Amino acid sequence: MKKNRYLYLALVFGFLLGIHEGNIALWKDGSSKPFRVFPYRAESLPEADQKALEQGIHLTDESALIRLLEDYLS
């Protein structure tokens, strides 16, 4: 359950889902460096999803984060 602990810590402060060096990444609010970079290329997603990630998706809800990660990383 280490993954859930990290998600909880990110949710306390909020987080941003976006793109870092072409990969899907997660930032804690206010951080200039990604909290986690996933080994999934943003270019493999539909164009609308890529644009949303380029702008950054700010989330404070755990269920929304989990849904997006499941959609983007599956």
PDB file of N, CA and C in Angstrom:
ATOM      1  N   MET A   1       0.802  -1.194   0.000  1.00  0.00           N
ATOM      2  CA  MET A   1       0.000   0.000   0.000  1.00  0.00           C
ATOM      3  C   MET A   1       0.851   1.268   0.000  1.00  0.00           C
ATOM      4  N   LYS A   2       2.111   1.146  -0.333  1.00  0.00           N
ATOM      5  CA  LYS A   2       2.989   2.307  -0.403  1.00  0.00           C
ATOM      6  C   LYS A   2       2.457   3.318  -1.412  1.00  0.00           C
ATOM      7  N   LYS A   3       1.911   2.829  -2.526  1.00  0.00           N
ATOM      8  CA  LYS A   3       1.358   3.709  -3.558  1.00  0.00           C
ATOM      9  C   LYS A   3       0.249   4.581  -2.967  1.00  0.00           C
ATOM     10  N   ASN A   4      -0.644   4.006  -2.183  1.00  0.00           N
ATOM     11  CA  ASN A   4      -1.729   4.769  -1.576  1.00  0.00           C
ATOM     12  C   ASN A   4      -1.197   5.838  -0.631  1.00  0.00           C
ATOM     13  N   ARG A   5      -0.125   5.543   0.078  1.00  0.00           N
ATOM     14  CA  ARG A   5       0.476   6.524   0.982  1.00  0.00           C
ATOM     15  C   ARG A   5       0.968   7.727   0.203  1.00  0.00           C
ATOM     16  N   TYR A   6       1.626   7.500  -0.927  1.00  0.00           N
ATOM     17  CA  TYR A   6       2.108   8.604  -1.748  1.00  0.00           C
ATOM     18  C   TYR A   6       0.948   9.411  -2.319  1.00  0.00           C
ATOM     19  N   LEU A   7      -0.102   8.725  -2.753  1.00  0.00           N
ATOM     20  CA  LEU A   7      -1.264   9.440  -3.258  1.00  0.00           C
ATOM     21  C   LEU A   7      -1.871  10.300  -2.166  1.00  0.00           C
ATOM     22  N   TYR A   8      -1.969   9.774  -0.964  1.00  0.00           N
ATOM     23  CA  TYR A   8      -2.526  10.536   0.149  1.00  0.00           C
ATOM     24  C   TYR A   8      -1.696  11.792   0.412  1.00  0.00           C
ATOM     25  N   LEU A   9      -0.382  11.651   0.436  1.00  0.00           N
ATOM     26  CA  LEU A   9       0.473  12.805   0.690  1.00  0.00           C
ATOM     27  C   LEU A   9       0.303  13.860  -0.393  1.00  0.00           C
ATOM     28  N   ALA A  10       0.151  13.437  -1.633  1.00  0.00           N
ATOM     29  CA  ALA A  10      -0.060  14.400  -2.717  1.00  0.00           C
ATOM     30  C   ALA A  10      -1.409  15.077  -2.576  1.00  0.00           C
ATOM     31  N   LEU A  11      -2.417  14.340  -2.151  1.00  0.00           N
ATOM     32  CA  LEU A  11      -3.758  14.891  -2.057  1.00  0.00           C
ATOM     33  C   LEU A  11      -3.887  15.928  -0.947  1.00  0.00           C
ATOM     34  N   VAL A  12      -3.095  15.808   0.089  1.00  0.00           N
ATOM     35  CA  VAL A  12      -3.153  16.777   1.171  1.00  0.00           C
ATOM     36  C   VAL A  12      -2.890  18.178   0.631  1.00  0.00           C
ATOM     37  N   PHE A  13      -1.994  18.287  -0.300  1.00  0.00           N
ATOM     38  CA  PHE A  13      -1.609  19.577  -0.856  1.00  0.00           C
ATOM     39  C   PHE A  13      -2.198  19.825  -2.246  1.00  0.00           C
ATOM     40  N   GLY A  14      -2.770  18.835  -2.866  1.00  0.00           N
ATOM     41  CA  GLY A  14      -3.224  18.951  -4.245  1.00  0.00           C
ATOM     42  C   GLY A  14      -2.093  18.552  -5.182  1.00  0.00           C
ATOM     43  N   PHE A  15      -2.412  18.384  -6.434  1.00  0.00           N
ATOM     44  CA  PHE A  15      -1.392  17.967  -7.382  1.00  0.00           C
ATOM     45  C   PHE A  15      -1.774  18.387  -8.788  1.00  0.00           C
ATOM     46  N   LEU A  16      -0.815  18.277  -9.664  1.00  0.00           N
ATOM     47  CA  LEU A  16      -0.970  18.642 -11.059  1.00  0.00           C
ATOM     48  C   LEU A  16      -0.507  17.471 -11.913  1.00  0.00           C
ATOM     49  N   LEU A  17      -1.344  17.062 -12.841  1.00  0.00           N
ATOM     50  CA  LEU A  17      -0.994  16.006 -13.783  1.00  0.00           C
ATOM     51  C   LEU A  17      -0.646  16.682 -15.096  1.00  0.00           C
ATOM     52  N   GLY A  18       0.500  16.352 -15.662  1.00  0.00           N
ATOM     53  CA  GLY A  18       0.944  17.002 -16.892  1.00  0.00           C
ATOM     54  C   GLY A  18       1.961  16.162 -17.631  1.00  0.00           C
ATOM     55  N   ILE A  19       2.815  16.848 -18.393  1.00  0.00           N
ATOM     56  CA  ILE A  19       3.820  16.187 -19.221  1.00  0.00           C
ATOM     57  C   ILE A  19       5.209  16.692 -18.831  1.00  0.00           C
ATOM     58  N   HIS A  20       6.131  15.756 -18.659  1.00  0.00           N
ATOM     59  CA  HIS A  20       7.532  16.078 -18.376  1.00  0.00           C
ATOM     60  C   HIS A  20       8.401  15.275 -19.335  1.00  0.00           C
ATOM     61  N   GLU A  21       9.121  15.984 -20.191  1.00  0.00           N
ATOM     62  CA  GLU A  21      10.008  15.349 -21.176  1.00  0.00           C
ATOM     63  C   GLU A  21       9.269  14.277 -21.979  1.00  0.00           C
ATOM     64  N   GLY A  22       8.011  14.568 -22.330  1.00  0.00           N
ATOM     65  CA  GLY A  22       7.226  13.665 -23.166  1.00  0.00           C
ATOM     66  C   GLY A  22       6.443  12.600 -22.419  1.00  0.00           C
ATOM     67  N   ASN A  23       6.721  12.421 -21.132  1.00  0.00           N
ATOM     68  CA  ASN A  23       6.026  11.404 -20.338  1.00  0.00           C
ATOM     69  C   ASN A  23       4.970  12.042 -19.443  1.00  0.00           C
ATOM     70  N   ILE A  24       3.957  11.269 -19.095  1.00  0.00           N
ATOM     71  CA  ILE A  24       2.941  11.709 -18.154  1.00  0.00           C
ATOM     72  C   ILE A  24       3.600  11.814 -16.784  1.00  0.00           C
ATOM     73  N   ALA A  25       3.331  12.919 -16.078  1.00  0.00           N
ATOM     74  CA  ALA A  25       3.995  13.159 -14.795  1.00  0.00           C
ATOM     75  C   ALA A  25       3.028  13.788 -13.791  1.00  0.00           C
ATOM     76  N   LEU A  26       3.390  13.659 -12.523  1.00  0.00           N
ATOM     77  CA  LEU A  26       2.581  14.175 -11.425  1.00  0.00           C
ATOM     78  C   LEU A  26       3.442  15.090 -10.565  1.00  0.00           C
ATOM     79  N   TRP A  27       2.938  16.299 -10.304  1.00  0.00           N
ATOM     80  CA  TRP A  27       3.611  17.268  -9.449  1.00  0.00           C
ATOM     81  C   TRP A  27       2.785  17.518  -8.208  1.00  0.00           C
ATOM     82  N   LYS A  28       3.440  17.774  -7.099  1.00  0.00           N
ATOM     83  CA  LYS A  28       2.762  18.312  -5.927  1.00  0.00           C
ATOM     84  C   LYS A  28       2.580  19.800  -6.195  1.00  0.00           C
ATOM     85  N   ASP A  29       1.489  20.367  -5.712  1.00  0.00           N
ATOM     86  CA  ASP A  29       1.267  21.803  -5.896  1.00  0.00           C
ATOM     87  C   ASP A  29       2.459  22.610  -5.413  1.00  0.00           C
ATOM     88  N   GLY A  30       2.868  23.554  -6.235  1.00  0.00           N
ATOM     89  CA  GLY A  30       3.949  24.450  -5.870  1.00  0.00           C
ATOM     90  C   GLY A  30       5.340  23.923  -6.162  1.00  0.00           C
ATOM     91  N   SER A  31       5.463  22.678  -6.582  1.00  0.00           N
ATOM     92  CA  SER A  31       6.772  22.089  -6.851  1.00  0.00           C
ATOM     93  C   SER A  31       7.170  22.309  -8.303  1.00  0.00           C
ATOM     94  N   SER A  32       8.445  22.589  -8.521  1.00  0.00           N
ATOM     95  CA  SER A  32       8.933  22.756  -9.886  1.00  0.00           C
ATOM     96  C   SER A  32       9.398  21.438 -10.499  1.00  0.00           C
ATOM     97  N   LYS A  33       9.615  20.421  -9.665  1.00  0.00           N
ATOM     98  CA  LYS A  33      10.043  19.101 -10.150  1.00  0.00           C
ATOM     99  C   LYS A  33       8.905  18.107  -9.984  1.00  0.00           C
ATOM    100  N   PRO A  34       8.769  17.185 -10.944  1.00  0.00           N
ATOM    101  CA  PRO A  34       7.705  16.176 -10.807  1.00  0.00           C
ATOM    102  C   PRO A  34       7.898  15.291  -9.582  1.00  0.00           C
ATOM    103  N   PHE A  35       6.792  14.974  -8.963  1.00  0.00           N
ATOM    104  CA  PHE A  35       6.744  14.030  -7.841  1.00  0.00           C
ATOM    105  C   PHE A  35       6.957  12.616  -8.370  1.00  0.00           C
ATOM    106  N   ARG A  36       6.374  12.354  -9.545  1.00  0.00           N
ATOM    107  CA  ARG A  36       6.468  11.026 -10.171  1.00  0.00           C
ATOM    108  C   ARG A  36       6.369  11.182 -11.682  1.00  0.00           C
ATOM    109  N   VAL A  37       7.259  10.544 -12.420  1.00  0.00           N
ATOM    110  CA  VAL A  37       7.203  10.505 -13.881  1.00  0.00           C
ATOM    111  C   VAL A  37       6.886   9.071 -14.272  1.00  0.00           C
ATOM    112  N   PHE A  38       5.819   8.909 -15.031  1.00  0.00           N
ATOM    113  CA  PHE A  38       5.375   7.577 -15.436  1.00  0.00           C
ATOM    114  C   PHE A  38       6.008   7.203 -16.780  1.00  0.00           C
ATOM    115  N   PRO A  39       6.290   5.930 -16.998  1.00  0.00           N
ATOM    116  CA  PRO A  39       6.926   5.501 -18.253  1.00  0.00           C
ATOM    117  C   PRO A  39       5.915   5.366 -19.398  1.00  0.00           C
ATOM    118  N   TYR A  40       5.061   6.357 -19.527  1.00  0.00           N
ATOM    119  CA  TYR A  40       4.042   6.370 -20.578  1.00  0.00           C
ATOM    120  C   TYR A  40       4.137   7.675 -21.341  1.00  0.00           C
ATOM    121  N   ARG A  41       4.277   7.574 -22.655  1.00  0.00           N
ATOM    122  CA  ARG A  41       4.420   8.739 -23.513  1.00  0.00           C
ATOM    123  C   ARG A  41       3.071   9.416 -23.720  1.00  0.00           C
ATOM    124  N   ALA A  42       3.046  10.713 -23.559  1.00  0.00           N
ATOM    125  CA  ALA A  42       1.811  11.481 -23.759  1.00  0.00           C
ATOM    126  C   ALA A  42       1.369  11.416 -25.211  1.00  0.00           C
ATOM    127  N   GLU A  43       2.304  11.284 -26.128  1.00  0.00           N
ATOM    128  CA  GLU A  43       1.966  11.254 -27.556  1.00  0.00           C
ATOM    129  C   GLU A  43       1.119  10.046 -27.946  1.00  0.00           C
ATOM    130  N   SER A  44       1.046   9.050 -27.086  1.00  0.00           N
ATOM    131  CA  SER A  44       0.225   7.873 -27.380  1.00  0.00           C
ATOM    132  C   SER A  44      -1.252   8.101 -27.047  1.00  0.00           C
ATOM    133  N   LEU A  45      -1.560   9.227 -26.402  1.00  0.00           N
ATOM    134  CA  LEU A  45      -2.943   9.548 -26.024  1.00  0.00           C
ATOM    135  C   LEU A  45      -3.650  10.314 -27.140  1.00  0.00           C
ATOM    136  N   PRO A  46      -4.971  10.327 -27.118  1.00  0.00           N
ATOM    137  CA  PRO A  46      -5.713  11.152 -28.073  1.00  0.00           C
ATOM    138  C   PRO A  46      -5.308  12.626 -27.940  1.00  0.00           C
ATOM    139  N   GLU A  47      -5.456  13.376 -29.005  1.00  0.00           N
ATOM    140  CA  GLU A  47      -5.023  14.775 -29.048  1.00  0.00           C
ATOM    141  C   GLU A  47      -5.652  15.624 -27.938  1.00  0.00           C
ATOM    142  N   ALA A  48      -6.924  15.426 -27.653  1.00  0.00           N
ATOM    143  CA  ALA A  48      -7.593  16.210 -26.604  1.00  0.00           C
ATOM    144  C   ALA A  48      -6.946  15.960 -25.235  1.00  0.00           C
ATOM    145  N   ASP A  49      -6.592  14.720 -24.956  1.00  0.00           N
ATOM    146  CA  ASP A  49      -5.930  14.394 -23.692  1.00  0.00           C
ATOM    147  C   ASP A  49      -4.532  15.005 -23.634  1.00  0.00           C
ATOM    148  N   GLN A  50      -3.825  14.971 -24.750  1.00  0.00           N
ATOM    149  CA  GLN A  50      -2.495  15.572 -24.801  1.00  0.00           C
ATOM    150  C   GLN A  50      -2.567  17.066 -24.497  1.00  0.00           C
ATOM    151  N   LYS A  51      -3.545  17.740 -25.103  1.00  0.00           N
ATOM    152  CA  LYS A  51      -3.691  19.186 -24.873  1.00  0.00           C
ATOM    153  C   LYS A  51      -4.020  19.482 -23.418  1.00  0.00           C
ATOM    154  N   ALA A  52      -4.881  18.682 -22.813  1.00  0.00           N
ATOM    155  CA  ALA A  52      -5.228  18.877 -21.399  1.00  0.00           C
ATOM    156  C   ALA A  52      -3.986  18.706 -20.524  1.00  0.00           C
ATOM    157  N   LEU A  53      -3.185  17.694 -20.814  1.00  0.00           N
ATOM    158  CA  LEU A  53      -1.974  17.464 -20.038  1.00  0.00           C
ATOM    159  C   LEU A  53      -0.941  18.565 -20.268  1.00  0.00           C
ATOM    160  N   GLU A  54      -0.861  19.086 -21.485  1.00  0.00           N
ATOM    161  CA  GLU A  54       0.064  20.180 -21.772  1.00  0.00           C
ATOM    162  C   GLU A  54      -0.286  21.413 -20.934  1.00  0.00           C
ATOM    163  N   GLN A  55      -1.576  21.658 -20.744  1.00  0.00           N
ATOM    164  CA  GLN A  55      -2.020  22.797 -19.936  1.00  0.00           C
ATOM    165  C   GLN A  55      -1.901  22.488 -18.444  1.00  0.00           C
ATOM    166  N   GLY A  56      -1.922  21.220 -18.109  1.00  0.00           N
ATOM    167  CA  GLY A  56      -1.864  20.786 -16.718  1.00  0.00           C
ATOM    168  C   GLY A  56      -3.258  20.592 -16.161  1.00  0.00           C
ATOM    169  N   ILE A  57      -3.460  19.496 -15.495  1.00  0.00           N
ATOM    170  CA  ILE A  57      -4.756  19.171 -14.908  1.00  0.00           C
ATOM    171  C   ILE A  57      -4.590  19.217 -13.389  1.00  0.00           C
ATOM    172  N   HIS A  58      -5.174  20.230 -12.767  1.00  0.00           N
ATOM    173  CA  HIS A  58      -5.078  20.377 -11.318  1.00  0.00           C
ATOM    174  C   HIS A  58      -6.186  19.576 -10.660  1.00  0.00           C
ATOM    175  N   LEU A  59      -5.820  18.738  -9.714  1.00  0.00           N
ATOM    176  CA  LEU A  59      -6.783  17.871  -9.035  1.00  0.00           C
ATOM    177  C   LEU A  59      -6.560  17.894  -7.528  1.00  0.00           C
ATOM    178  N   THR A  60      -7.656  17.775  -6.784  1.00  0.00           N
ATOM    179  CA  THR A  60      -7.564  17.656  -5.331  1.00  0.00           C
ATOM    180  C   THR A  60      -8.382  16.467  -4.840  1.00  0.00           C
ATOM    181  N   ASP A  61      -8.936  15.717  -5.773  1.00  0.00           N
ATOM    182  CA  ASP A  61      -9.813  14.598  -5.441  1.00  0.00           C
ATOM    183  C   ASP A  61      -9.134  13.284  -5.808  1.00  0.00           C
ATOM    184  N   GLU A  62      -9.000  12.385  -4.852  1.00  0.00           N
ATOM    185  CA  GLU A  62      -8.304  11.113  -5.078  1.00  0.00           C
ATOM    186  C   GLU A  62      -8.977  10.271  -6.156  1.00  0.00           C
ATOM    187  N   SER A  63     -10.297  10.225  -6.160  1.00  0.00           N
ATOM    188  CA  SER A  63     -10.987   9.391  -7.149  1.00  0.00           C
ATOM    189  C   SER A  63     -10.771   9.930  -8.556  1.00  0.00           C
ATOM    190  N   ALA A  64     -10.715  11.252  -8.713  1.00  0.00           N
ATOM    191  CA  ALA A  64     -10.451  11.841 -10.029  1.00  0.00           C
ATOM    192  C   ALA A  64      -9.039  11.497 -10.500  1.00  0.00           C
ATOM    193  N   LEU A  65      -8.075  11.556  -9.584  1.00  0.00           N
ATOM    194  CA  LEU A  65      -6.700  11.197  -9.934  1.00  0.00           C
ATOM    195  C   LEU A  65      -6.619   9.745 -10.371  1.00  0.00           C
ATOM    196  N   ILE A  66      -7.224   8.868  -9.602  1.00  0.00           N
ATOM    197  CA  ILE A  66      -7.171   7.442  -9.925  1.00  0.00           C
ATOM    198  C   ILE A  66      -7.814   7.171 -11.283  1.00  0.00           C
ATOM    199  N   ARG A  67      -8.959   7.798 -11.559  1.00  0.00           N
ATOM    200  CA  ARG A  67      -9.626   7.611 -12.862  1.00  0.00           C
ATOM    201  C   ARG A  67      -8.740   8.072 -14.005  1.00  0.00           C
ATOM    202  N   LEU A  68      -8.153   9.260 -13.864  1.00  0.00           N
ATOM    203  CA  LEU A  68      -7.294   9.765 -14.938  1.00  0.00           C
ATOM    204  C   LEU A  68      -6.078   8.881 -15.143  1.00  0.00           C
ATOM    205  N   LEU A  69      -5.449   8.476 -14.063  1.00  0.00           N
ATOM    206  CA  LEU A  69      -4.271   7.604 -14.206  1.00  0.00           C
ATOM    207  C   LEU A  69      -4.639   6.277 -14.843  1.00  0.00           C
ATOM    208  N   GLU A  70      -5.783   5.724 -14.465  1.00  0.00           N
ATOM    209  CA  GLU A  70      -6.222   4.474 -15.084  1.00  0.00           C
ATOM    210  C   GLU A  70      -6.477   4.671 -16.575  1.00  0.00           C
ATOM    211  N   ASP A  71      -7.085   5.792 -16.941  1.00  0.00           N
ATOM    212  CA  ASP A  71      -7.357   6.073 -18.351  1.00  0.00           C
ATOM    213  C   ASP A  71      -6.062   6.285 -19.128  1.00  0.00           C
ATOM    214  N   TYR A  72      -5.176   7.109 -18.587  1.00  0.00           N
ATOM    215  CA  TYR A  72      -3.966   7.478 -19.306  1.00  0.00           C
ATOM    216  C   TYR A  72      -2.893   6.394 -19.312  1.00  0.00           C
ATOM    217  N   LEU A  73      -2.847   5.585 -18.277  1.00  0.00           N
ATOM    218  CA  LEU A  73      -1.758   4.614 -18.152  1.00  0.00           C
ATOM    219  C   LEU A  73      -2.137   3.197 -18.546  1.00  0.00           C
ATOM    220  N   SER A  74      -3.358   2.999 -19.020  1.00  0.00           N
ATOM    221  CA  SER A  74      -3.756   1.637 -19.392  1.00  0.00           C
ATOM    222  C   SER A  74      -3.674   1.422 -20.882  1.00  0.00           C
TER     223      SER A  74
END
